[in-house]
Amino acid sequence: MTSDVSHSPRSGLATAHRQGSQAGTLTYSVSRRSDPEVWTLYSTRVDPDHEGRGVGSDLVRIVLDDARSAGAVVDPTCWFVAGWIRRHPDYEDLLAPR
């Protein structure tokens, strides 16, 4: 089962819902002062009742896909996001240069 994820780069919050309840969130900020813009992904939180069911992965995938569509790069300061990208090398091209 996948999560219903909604977010807006303007708000800096992605929210996952499952079976009508909030299952998790991913917070981030968008810096438009650089070219390309940088999305800093701060924190991924999953409700304990939904842990281990792919909610965090759903959140990360949707936000990264939207960053890619926007032509942005990401700075994953969240350990979960950084680990997720390491396990999914097809997203490594989104990493902001250090």
PDB file of N, CA and C in Angstrom:
ATOM      1  N   MET A   1       0.846  -1.179   0.000  1.00  0.00           N
ATOM      2  CA  MET A   1       0.000   0.000   0.000  1.00  0.00           C
ATOM      3  C   MET A   1       0.888   1.239   0.000  1.00  0.00           C
ATOM      4  N   THR A   2       0.608   2.167  -0.893  1.00  0.00           N
ATOM      5  CA  THR A   2       1.357   3.414  -0.917  1.00  0.00           C
ATOM      6  C   THR A   2       0.580   4.485  -0.162  1.00  0.00           C
ATOM      7  N   SER A   3       1.312   5.482   0.232  1.00  0.00           N
ATOM      8  CA  SER A   3       0.721   6.592   0.972  1.00  0.00           C
ATOM      9  C   SER A   3       0.199   7.646   0.017  1.00  0.00           C
ATOM     10  N   ASP A   4      -0.796   8.364   0.463  1.00  0.00           N
ATOM     11  CA  ASP A   4      -1.273   9.547  -0.250  1.00  0.00           C
ATOM     12  C   ASP A   4      -0.433  10.704   0.274  1.00  0.00           C
ATOM     13  N   VAL A   5       0.482  11.218  -0.554  1.00  0.00           N
ATOM     14  CA  VAL A   5       1.409  12.262  -0.119  1.00  0.00           C
ATOM     15  C   VAL A   5       1.027  13.584  -0.757  1.00  0.00           C
ATOM     16  N   SER A   6       0.955  14.607   0.072  1.00  0.00           N
ATOM     17  CA  SER A   6       0.711  15.956  -0.437  1.00  0.00           C
ATOM     18  C   SER A   6       1.791  16.873   0.125  1.00  0.00           C
ATOM     19  N   HIS A   7       2.179  17.850  -0.700  1.00  0.00           N
ATOM     20  CA  HIS A   7       3.151  18.831  -0.214  1.00  0.00           C
ATOM     21  C   HIS A   7       3.225  20.003  -1.167  1.00  0.00           C
ATOM     22  N   SER A   8       3.865  21.026  -0.659  1.00  0.00           N
ATOM     23  CA  SER A   8       4.116  22.217  -1.447  1.00  0.00           C
ATOM     24  C   SER A   8       5.481  22.753  -1.060  1.00  0.00           C
ATOM     25  N   PRO A   9       6.368  22.968  -2.024  1.00  0.00           N
ATOM     26  CA  PRO A   9       7.659  23.548  -1.684  1.00  0.00           C
ATOM     27  C   PRO A   9       7.530  24.884  -0.949  1.00  0.00           C
ATOM     28  N   ARG A  10       6.451  25.576  -1.203  1.00  0.00           N
ATOM     29  CA  ARG A  10       6.221  26.847  -0.518  1.00  0.00           C
ATOM     30  C   ARG A  10       6.053  26.660   0.987  1.00  0.00           C
ATOM     31  N   SER A  11       5.395  25.562   1.386  1.00  0.00           N
ATOM     32  CA  SER A  11       5.155  25.305   2.808  1.00  0.00           C
ATOM     33  C   SER A  11       6.322  24.578   3.462  1.00  0.00           C
ATOM     34  N   GLY A  12       7.118  23.843   2.686  1.00  0.00           N
ATOM     35  CA  GLY A  12       8.228  23.096   3.257  1.00  0.00           C
ATOM     36  C   GLY A  12       7.793  21.893   4.069  1.00  0.00           C
ATOM     37  N   LEU A  13       6.622  21.366   3.762  1.00  0.00           N
ATOM     38  CA  LEU A  13       6.112  20.213   4.502  1.00  0.00           C
ATOM     39  C   LEU A  13       5.432  19.249   3.546  1.00  0.00           C
ATOM     40  N   ALA A  14       5.854  17.998   3.601  1.00  0.00           N
ATOM     41  CA  ALA A  14       5.180  16.922   2.880  1.00  0.00           C
ATOM     42  C   ALA A  14       4.492  16.060   3.928  1.00  0.00           C
ATOM     43  N   THR A  15       3.271  15.677   3.653  1.00  0.00           N
ATOM     44  CA  THR A  15       2.486  14.890   4.601  1.00  0.00           C
ATOM     45  C   THR A  15       1.977  13.629   3.922  1.00  0.00           C
ATOM     46  N   ALA A  16       2.155  12.503   4.593  1.00  0.00           N
ATOM     47  CA  ALA A  16       1.662  11.221   4.087  1.00  0.00           C
ATOM     48  C   ALA A  16       0.445  10.803   4.897  1.00  0.00           C
ATOM     49  N   HIS A  17      -0.575  10.336   4.194  1.00  0.00           N
ATOM     50  CA  HIS A  17      -1.782   9.814   4.844  1.00  0.00           C
ATOM     51  C   HIS A  17      -1.998   8.378   4.403  1.00  0.00           C
ATOM     52  N   ARG A  18      -2.466   7.575   5.329  1.00  0.00           N
ATOM     53  CA  ARG A  18      -2.874   6.196   5.047  1.00  0.00           C
ATOM     54  C   ARG A  18      -4.159   5.921   5.793  1.00  0.00           C
ATOM     55  N   GLN A  19      -5.082   5.365   5.097  1.00  0.00           N
ATOM     56  CA  GLN A  19      -6.368   4.983   5.679  1.00  0.00           C
ATOM     57  C   GLN A  19      -7.005   6.139   6.461  1.00  0.00           C
ATOM     58  N   GLY A  20      -6.876   7.345   5.894  1.00  0.00           N
ATOM     59  CA  GLY A  20      -7.532   8.513   6.465  1.00  0.00           C
ATOM     60  C   GLY A  20      -6.829   9.186   7.622  1.00  0.00           C
ATOM     61  N   SER A  21      -5.657   8.704   8.023  1.00  0.00           N
ATOM     62  CA  SER A  21      -4.950   9.364   9.122  1.00  0.00           C
ATOM     63  C   SER A  21      -3.547   9.759   8.678  1.00  0.00           C
ATOM     64  N   GLN A  22      -3.007  10.771   9.355  1.00  0.00           N
ATOM     65  CA  GLN A  22      -1.655  11.222   9.030  1.00  0.00           C
ATOM     66  C   GLN A  22      -0.668  10.154   9.481  1.00  0.00           C
ATOM     67  N   ALA A  23       0.162   9.703   8.546  1.00  0.00           N
ATOM     68  CA  ALA A  23       1.108   8.634   8.832  1.00  0.00           C
ATOM     69  C   ALA A  23       2.542   9.136   8.980  1.00  0.00           C
ATOM     70  N   GLY A  24       2.859  10.307   8.404  1.00  0.00           N
ATOM     71  CA  GLY A  24       4.216  10.816   8.499  1.00  0.00           C
ATOM     72  C   GLY A  24       4.380  12.168   7.838  1.00  0.00           C
ATOM     73  N   THR A  25       5.539  12.796   8.108  1.00  0.00           N
ATOM     74  CA  THR A  25       5.854  14.101   7.533  1.00  0.00           C
ATOM     75  C   THR A  25       7.331  14.165   7.148  1.00  0.00           C
ATOM     76  N   LEU A  26       7.620  15.028   6.206  1.00  0.00           N
ATOM     77  CA  LEU A  26       8.992  15.357   5.838  1.00  0.00           C
ATOM     78  C   LEU A  26       9.054  16.874   5.752  1.00  0.00           C
ATOM     79  N   THR A  27       9.950  17.483   6.524  1.00  0.00           N
ATOM     80  CA  THR A  27      10.088  18.936   6.508  1.00  0.00           C
ATOM     81  C   THR A  27      11.342  19.319   5.726  1.00  0.00           C
ATOM     82  N   TYR A  28      11.236  20.423   5.007  1.00  0.00           N
ATOM     83  CA  TYR A  28      12.348  20.883   4.189  1.00  0.00           C
ATOM     84  C   TYR A  28      12.188  22.366   3.892  1.00  0.00           C
ATOM     85  N   SER A  29      13.236  22.955   3.368  1.00  0.00           N
ATOM     86  CA  SER A  29      13.175  24.352   2.941  1.00  0.00           C
ATOM     87  C   SER A  29      13.720  24.446   1.527  1.00  0.00           C
ATOM     88  N   VAL A  30      13.305  25.483   0.835  1.00  0.00           N
ATOM     89  CA  VAL A  30      13.731  25.714  -0.535  1.00  0.00           C
ATOM     90  C   VAL A  30      14.477  27.038  -0.592  1.00  0.00           C
ATOM     91  N   SER A  31      15.733  26.991  -1.075  1.00  0.00           N
ATOM     92  CA  SER A  31      16.518  28.204  -1.263  1.00  0.00           C
ATOM     93  C   SER A  31      16.513  28.548  -2.741  1.00  0.00           C
ATOM     94  N   ARG A  32      15.882  29.635  -3.061  1.00  0.00           N
ATOM     95  CA  ARG A  32      15.825  30.063  -4.459  1.00  0.00           C
ATOM     96  C   ARG A  32      16.931  31.065  -4.785  1.00  0.00           C
ATOM     97  N   ARG A  33      17.856  31.230  -3.860  1.00  0.00           N
ATOM     98  CA  ARG A  33      18.933  32.195  -4.067  1.00  0.00           C
ATOM     99  C   ARG A  33      20.096  31.612  -4.848  1.00  0.00           C
ATOM    100  N   SER A  34      20.000  30.343  -5.157  1.00  0.00           N
ATOM    101  CA  SER A  34      21.085  29.722  -5.909  1.00  0.00           C
ATOM    102  C   SER A  34      20.524  29.122  -7.193  1.00  0.00           C
ATOM    103  N   ASP A  35      21.414  28.876  -8.127  1.00  0.00           N
ATOM    104  CA  ASP A  35      21.007  28.272  -9.387  1.00  0.00           C
ATOM    105  C   ASP A  35      21.855  27.030  -9.606  1.00  0.00           C
ATOM    106  N   PRO A  36      21.311  25.829  -9.501  1.00  0.00           N
ATOM    107  CA  PRO A  36      19.887  25.564  -9.294  1.00  0.00           C
ATOM    108  C   PRO A  36      19.496  25.770  -7.836  1.00  0.00           C
ATOM    109  N   GLU A  37      18.189  25.900  -7.604  1.00  0.00           N
ATOM    110  CA  GLU A  37      17.725  26.058  -6.235  1.00  0.00           C
ATOM    111  C   GLU A  37      18.022  24.788  -5.440  1.00  0.00           C
ATOM    112  N   VAL A  38      18.196  24.962  -4.130  1.00  0.00           N
ATOM    113  CA  VAL A  38      18.548  23.855  -3.251  1.00  0.00           C
ATOM    114  C   VAL A  38      17.405  23.594  -2.286  1.00  0.00           C
ATOM    115  N   TRP A  39      16.969  22.342  -2.227  1.00  0.00           N
ATOM    116  CA  TRP A  39      15.971  21.914  -1.251  1.00  0.00           C
ATOM    117  C   TRP A  39      16.720  21.209  -0.130  1.00  0.00           C
ATOM    118  N   THR A  40      16.687  21.751   1.071  1.00  0.00           N
ATOM    119  CA  THR A  40      17.325  21.145   2.232  1.00  0.00           C
ATOM    120  C   THR A  40      16.281  20.319   2.970  1.00  0.00           C
ATOM    121  N   LEU A  41      16.504  19.011   3.023  1.00  0.00           N
ATOM    122  CA  LEU A  41      15.556  18.088   3.635  1.00  0.00           C
ATOM    123  C   LEU A  41      16.004  17.816   5.068  1.00  0.00           C
ATOM    124  N   TYR A  42      15.211  18.321   6.031  1.00  0.00           N
ATOM    125  CA  TYR A  42      15.607  18.337   7.435  1.00  0.00           C
ATOM    126  C   TYR A  42      15.204  17.108   8.246  1.00  0.00           C
ATOM    127  N   SER A  43      13.951  16.703   8.137  1.00  0.00           N
ATOM    128  CA  SER A  43      13.458  15.712   9.081  1.00  0.00           C
ATOM    129  C   SER A  43      12.332  14.879   8.483  1.00  0.00           C
ATOM    130  N   THR A  44      12.450  13.575   8.635  1.00  0.00           N
ATOM    131  CA  THR A  44      11.393  12.658   8.236  1.00  0.00           C
ATOM    132  C   THR A  44      10.880  11.989   9.500  1.00  0.00           C
ATOM    133  N   ARG A  45       9.574  12.079   9.713  1.00  0.00           N
ATOM    134  CA  ARG A  45       8.968  11.463  10.901  1.00  0.00           C
ATOM    135  C   ARG A  45       7.810  10.588  10.465  1.00  0.00           C
ATOM    136  N   VAL A  46       7.763   9.384  11.030  1.00  0.00           N
ATOM    137  CA  VAL A  46       6.678   8.451  10.728  1.00  0.00           C
ATOM    138  C   VAL A  46       6.005   8.072  12.041  1.00  0.00           C
ATOM    139  N   ASP A  47       4.681   8.108  12.040  1.00  0.00           N
ATOM    140  CA  ASP A  47       3.910   7.709  13.199  1.00  0.00           C
ATOM    141  C   ASP A  47       4.254   6.264  13.553  1.00  0.00           C
ATOM    142  N   PRO A  48       4.469   5.954  14.834  1.00  0.00           N
ATOM    143  CA  PRO A  48       4.844   4.585  15.212  1.00  0.00           C
ATOM    144  C   PRO A  48       3.888   3.508  14.693  1.00  0.00           C
ATOM    145  N   ASP A  49       2.619   3.810  14.557  1.00  0.00           N
ATOM    146  CA  ASP A  49       1.659   2.830  14.043  1.00  0.00           C
ATOM    147  C   ASP A  49       1.876   2.506  12.568  1.00  0.00           C
ATOM    148  N   HIS A  50       2.670   3.331  11.879  1.00  0.00           N
ATOM    149  CA  HIS A  50       2.891   3.141  10.440  1.00  0.00           C
ATOM    150  C   HIS A  50       4.345   2.820  10.100  1.00  0.00           C
ATOM    151  N   GLU A  51       5.199   2.683  11.108  1.00  0.00           N
ATOM    152  CA  GLU A  51       6.611   2.394  10.854  1.00  0.00           C
ATOM    153  C   GLU A  51       6.786   1.056  10.157  1.00  0.00           C
ATOM    154  N   GLY A  52       7.796   0.984   9.287  1.00  0.00           N
ATOM    155  CA  GLY A  52       8.124  -0.253   8.612  1.00  0.00           C
ATOM    156  C   GLY A  52       7.199  -0.609   7.464  1.00  0.00           C
ATOM    157  N   ARG A  53       6.387   0.350   7.038  1.00  0.00           N
ATOM    158  CA  ARG A  53       5.421   0.087   5.964  1.00  0.00           C
ATOM    159  C   ARG A  53       5.641   0.955   4.732  1.00  0.00           C
ATOM    160  N   GLY A  54       6.812   1.591   4.653  1.00  0.00           N
ATOM    161  CA  GLY A  54       7.149   2.357   3.459  1.00  0.00           C
ATOM    162  C   GLY A  54       6.689   3.801   3.442  1.00  0.00           C
ATOM    163  N   VAL A  55       6.169   4.295   4.562  1.00  0.00           N
ATOM    164  CA  VAL A  55       5.689   5.679   4.595  1.00  0.00           C
ATOM    165  C   VAL A  55       6.838   6.654   4.369  1.00  0.00           C
ATOM    166  N   GLY A  56       7.954   6.448   5.075  1.00  0.00           N
ATOM    167  CA  GLY A  56       9.112   7.329   4.899  1.00  0.00           C
ATOM    168  C   GLY A  56       9.617   7.310   3.470  1.00  0.00           C
ATOM    169  N   SER A  57       9.678   6.130   2.877  1.00  0.00           N
ATOM    170  CA  SER A  57      10.115   6.013   1.481  1.00  0.00           C
ATOM    171  C   SER A  57       9.172   6.731   0.536  1.00  0.00           C
ATOM    172  N   ASP A  58       7.869   6.612   0.779  1.00  0.00           N
ATOM    173  CA  ASP A  58       6.889   7.329  -0.052  1.00  0.00           C
ATOM    174  C   ASP A  58       7.124   8.830   0.015  1.00  0.00           C
ATOM    175  N   LEU A  59       7.349   9.341   1.228  1.00  0.00           N
ATOM    176  CA  LEU A  59       7.586  10.779   1.393  1.00  0.00           C
ATOM    177  C   LEU A  59       8.833  11.217   0.634  1.00  0.00           C
ATOM    178  N   VAL A  60       9.929  10.496   0.846  1.00  0.00           N
ATOM    179  CA  VAL A  60      11.198  10.873   0.212  1.00  0.00           C
ATOM    180  C   VAL A  60      11.080  10.816  -1.304  1.00  0.00           C
ATOM    181  N   ARG A  61      10.536   9.739  -1.822  1.00  0.00           N
ATOM    182  CA  ARG A  61      10.440   9.577  -3.278  1.00  0.00           C
ATOM    183  C   ARG A  61       9.632  10.718  -3.913  1.00  0.00           C
ATOM    184  N   ILE A  62       8.492  11.053  -3.341  1.00  0.00           N
ATOM    185  CA  ILE A  62       7.647  12.115  -3.906  1.00  0.00           C
ATOM    186  C   ILE A  62       8.370  13.457  -3.879  1.00  0.00           C
ATOM    187  N   VAL A  63       8.998  13.791  -2.758  1.00  0.00           N
ATOM    188  CA  VAL A  63       9.694  15.083  -2.652  1.00  0.00           C
ATOM    189  C   VAL A  63      10.880  15.122  -3.622  1.00  0.00           C
ATOM    190  N   LEU A  64      11.649  14.033  -3.705  1.00  0.00           N
ATOM    191  CA  LEU A  64      12.781  14.016  -4.634  1.00  0.00           C
ATOM    192  C   LEU A  64      12.324  14.088  -6.085  1.00  0.00           C
ATOM    193  N   ASP A  65      11.252  13.397  -6.420  1.00  0.00           N
ATOM    194  CA  ASP A  65      10.738  13.472  -7.790  1.00  0.00           C
ATOM    195  C   ASP A  65      10.289  14.896  -8.122  1.00  0.00           C
ATOM    196  N   ASP A  66       9.677  15.576  -7.165  1.00  0.00           N
ATOM    197  CA  ASP A  66       9.260  16.954  -7.409  1.00  0.00           C
ATOM    198  C   ASP A  66      10.454  17.900  -7.500  1.00  0.00           C
ATOM    199  N   ALA A  67      11.490  17.648  -6.684  1.00  0.00           N
ATOM    200  CA  ALA A  67      12.713  18.459  -6.786  1.00  0.00           C
ATOM    201  C   ALA A  67      13.327  18.288  -8.169  1.00  0.00           C
ATOM    202  N   ARG A  68      13.371  17.055  -8.641  1.00  0.00           N
ATOM    203  CA  ARG A  68      13.916  16.790  -9.982  1.00  0.00           C
ATOM    204  C   ARG A  68      13.092  17.526 -11.039  1.00  0.00           C
ATOM    205  N   SER A  69      11.784  17.461 -10.938  1.00  0.00           N
ATOM    206  CA  SER A  69      10.906  18.143 -11.905  1.00  0.00           C
ATOM    207  C   SER A  69      11.114  19.646 -11.893  1.00  0.00           C
ATOM    208  N   ALA A  70      11.454  20.183 -10.726  1.00  0.00           N
ATOM    209  CA  ALA A  70      11.672  21.625 -10.593  1.00  0.00           C
ATOM    210  C   ALA A  70      13.085  22.035 -11.016  1.00  0.00           C
ATOM    211  N   GLY A  71      13.936  21.059 -11.325  1.00  0.00           N
ATOM    212  CA  GLY A  71      15.315  21.375 -11.699  1.00  0.00           C
ATOM    213  C   GLY A  71      16.178  21.720 -10.500  1.00  0.00           C
ATOM    214  N   ALA A  72      15.767  21.281  -9.309  1.00  0.00           N
ATOM    215  CA  ALA A  72      16.476  21.598  -8.068  1.00  0.00           C
ATOM    216  C   ALA A  72      17.447  20.476  -7.707  1.00  0.00           C
ATOM    217  N   VAL A  73      18.334  20.765  -6.757  1.00  0.00           N
ATOM    218  CA  VAL A  73      19.192  19.765  -6.137  1.00  0.00           C
ATOM    219  C   VAL A  73      18.816  19.702  -4.667  1.00  0.00           C
ATOM    220  N   VAL A  74      19.253  18.643  -3.976  1.00  0.00           N
ATOM    221  CA  VAL A  74      18.874  18.483  -2.577  1.00  0.00           C
ATOM    222  C   VAL A  74      20.088  18.378  -1.672  1.00  0.00           C
ATOM    223  N   ASP A  75      19.916  18.852  -0.456  1.00  0.00           N
ATOM    224  CA  ASP A  75      20.907  18.725   0.605  1.00  0.00           C
ATOM    225  C   ASP A  75      20.215  17.957   1.729  1.00  0.00           C
ATOM    226  N   PRO A  76      20.445  16.626   1.806  1.00  0.00           N
ATOM    227  CA  PRO A  76      19.739  15.813   2.788  1.00  0.00           C
ATOM    228  C   PRO A  76      20.416  15.844   4.158  1.00  0.00           C
ATOM    229  N   THR A  77      20.020  16.761   5.014  1.00  0.00           N
ATOM    230  CA  THR A  77      20.569  16.792   6.365  1.00  0.00           C
ATOM    231  C   THR A  77      19.871  15.773   7.263  1.00  0.00           C
ATOM    232  N   CYS A  78      18.774  15.215   6.803  1.00  0.00           N
ATOM    233  CA  CYS A  78      18.053  14.158   7.519  1.00  0.00           C
ATOM    234  C   CYS A  78      18.742  12.824   7.248  1.00  0.00           C
ATOM    235  N   TRP A  79      19.083  12.084   8.296  1.00  0.00           N
ATOM    236  CA  TRP A  79      19.781  10.801   8.141  1.00  0.00           C
ATOM    237  C   TRP A  79      18.960   9.809   7.317  1.00  0.00           C
ATOM    238  N   PHE A  80      17.635   9.828   7.471  1.00  0.00           N
ATOM    239  CA  PHE A  80      16.803   8.882   6.738  1.00  0.00           C
ATOM    240  C   PHE A  80      16.864   9.164   5.234  1.00  0.00           C
ATOM    241  N   VAL A  81      16.760  10.429   4.869  1.00  0.00           N
ATOM    242  CA  VAL A  81      16.807  10.798   3.450  1.00  0.00           C
ATOM    243  C   VAL A  81      18.177  10.463   2.865  1.00  0.00           C
ATOM    244  N   ALA A  82      19.250  10.799   3.584  1.00  0.00           N
ATOM    245  CA  ALA A  82      20.605  10.506   3.090  1.00  0.00           C
ATOM    246  C   ALA A  82      20.783   9.009   2.858  1.00  0.00           C
ATOM    247  N   GLY A  83      20.324   8.193   3.789  1.00  0.00           N
ATOM    248  CA  GLY A  83      20.427   6.746   3.643  1.00  0.00           C
ATOM    249  C   GLY A  83      19.574   6.221   2.497  1.00  0.00           C
ATOM    250  N   TRP A  84      18.392   6.805   2.330  1.00  0.00           N
ATOM    251  CA  TRP A  84      17.490   6.389   1.259  1.00  0.00           C
ATOM    252  C   TRP A  84      18.141   6.644  -0.103  1.00  0.00           C
ATOM    253  N   ILE A  85      18.765   7.815  -0.242  1.00  0.00           N
ATOM    254  CA  ILE A  85      19.432   8.135  -1.513  1.00  0.00           C
ATOM    255  C   ILE A  85      20.599   7.177  -1.759  1.00  0.00           C
ATOM    256  N   ARG A  86      21.350   6.828  -0.715  1.00  0.00           N
ATOM    257  CA  ARG A  86      22.446   5.864  -0.889  1.00  0.00           C
ATOM    258  C   ARG A  86      21.918   4.509  -1.380  1.00  0.00           C
ATOM    259  N   ARG A  87      20.734   4.114  -0.931  1.00  0.00           N
ATOM    260  CA  ARG A  87      20.155   2.839  -1.348  1.00  0.00           C
ATOM    261  C   ARG A  87      19.456   2.916  -2.701  1.00  0.00           C
ATOM    262  N   HIS A  88      19.269   4.129  -3.217  1.00  0.00           N
ATOM    263  CA  HIS A  88      18.604   4.340  -4.509  1.00  0.00           C
ATOM    264  C   HIS A  88      19.494   5.245  -5.366  1.00  0.00           C
ATOM    265  N   PRO A  89      20.566   4.687  -5.933  1.00  0.00           N
ATOM    266  CA  PRO A  89      21.559   5.508  -6.645  1.00  0.00           C
ATOM    267  C   PRO A  89      21.004   6.278  -7.836  1.00  0.00           C
ATOM    268  N   ASP A  90      19.817   5.914  -8.323  1.00  0.00           N
ATOM    269  CA  ASP A  90      19.250   6.680  -9.432  1.00  0.00           C
ATOM    270  C   ASP A  90      18.808   8.073  -8.994  1.00  0.00           C
ATOM    271  N   TYR A  91      18.912   8.368  -7.688  1.00  0.00           N
ATOM    272  CA  TYR A  91      18.596   9.709  -7.185  1.00  0.00           C
ATOM    273  C   TYR A  91      19.850  10.496  -6.790  1.00  0.00           C
ATOM    274  N   GLU A  92      21.025   9.890  -6.893  1.00  0.00           N
ATOM    275  CA  GLU A  92      22.256  10.556  -6.485  1.00  0.00           C
ATOM    276  C   GLU A  92      22.560  11.806  -7.300  1.00  0.00           C
ATOM    277  N   ASP A  93      22.028  11.872  -8.532  1.00  0.00           N
ATOM    278  CA  ASP A  93      22.268  13.061  -9.355  1.00  0.00           C
ATOM    279  C   ASP A  93      21.602  14.306  -8.769  1.00  0.00           C
ATOM    280  N   LEU A  94      20.705  14.128  -7.810  1.00  0.00           N
ATOM    281  CA  LEU A  94      20.030  15.264  -7.178  1.00  0.00           C
ATOM    282  C   LEU A  94      20.839  15.889  -6.047  1.00  0.00           C
ATOM    283  N   LEU A  95      21.895  15.230  -5.601  1.00  0.00           N
ATOM    284  CA  LEU A  95      22.661  15.732  -4.466  1.00  0.00           C
ATOM    285  C   LEU A  95      23.376  17.042  -4.803  1.00  0.00           C
ATOM    286  N   ALA A  96      23.225  18.014  -3.923  1.00  0.00           N
ATOM    287  CA  ALA A  96      23.894  19.307  -4.101  1.00  0.00           C
ATOM    288  C   ALA A  96      25.400  19.103  -3.918  1.00  0.00           C
ATOM    289  N   PRO A  97      26.194  19.787  -4.723  1.00  0.00           N
ATOM    290  CA  PRO A  97      27.656  19.674  -4.550  1.00  0.00           C
ATOM    291  C   PRO A  97      28.055  20.190  -3.170  1.00  0.00           C
ATOM    292  N   ARG A  98      29.040  19.558  -2.609  1.00  0.00           N
ATOM    293  CA  ARG A  98      29.538  19.973  -1.274  1.00  0.00           C
ATOM    294  C   ARG A  98      30.812  20.759  -1.411  1.00  0.00           C
TER     295      ARG A  98
END
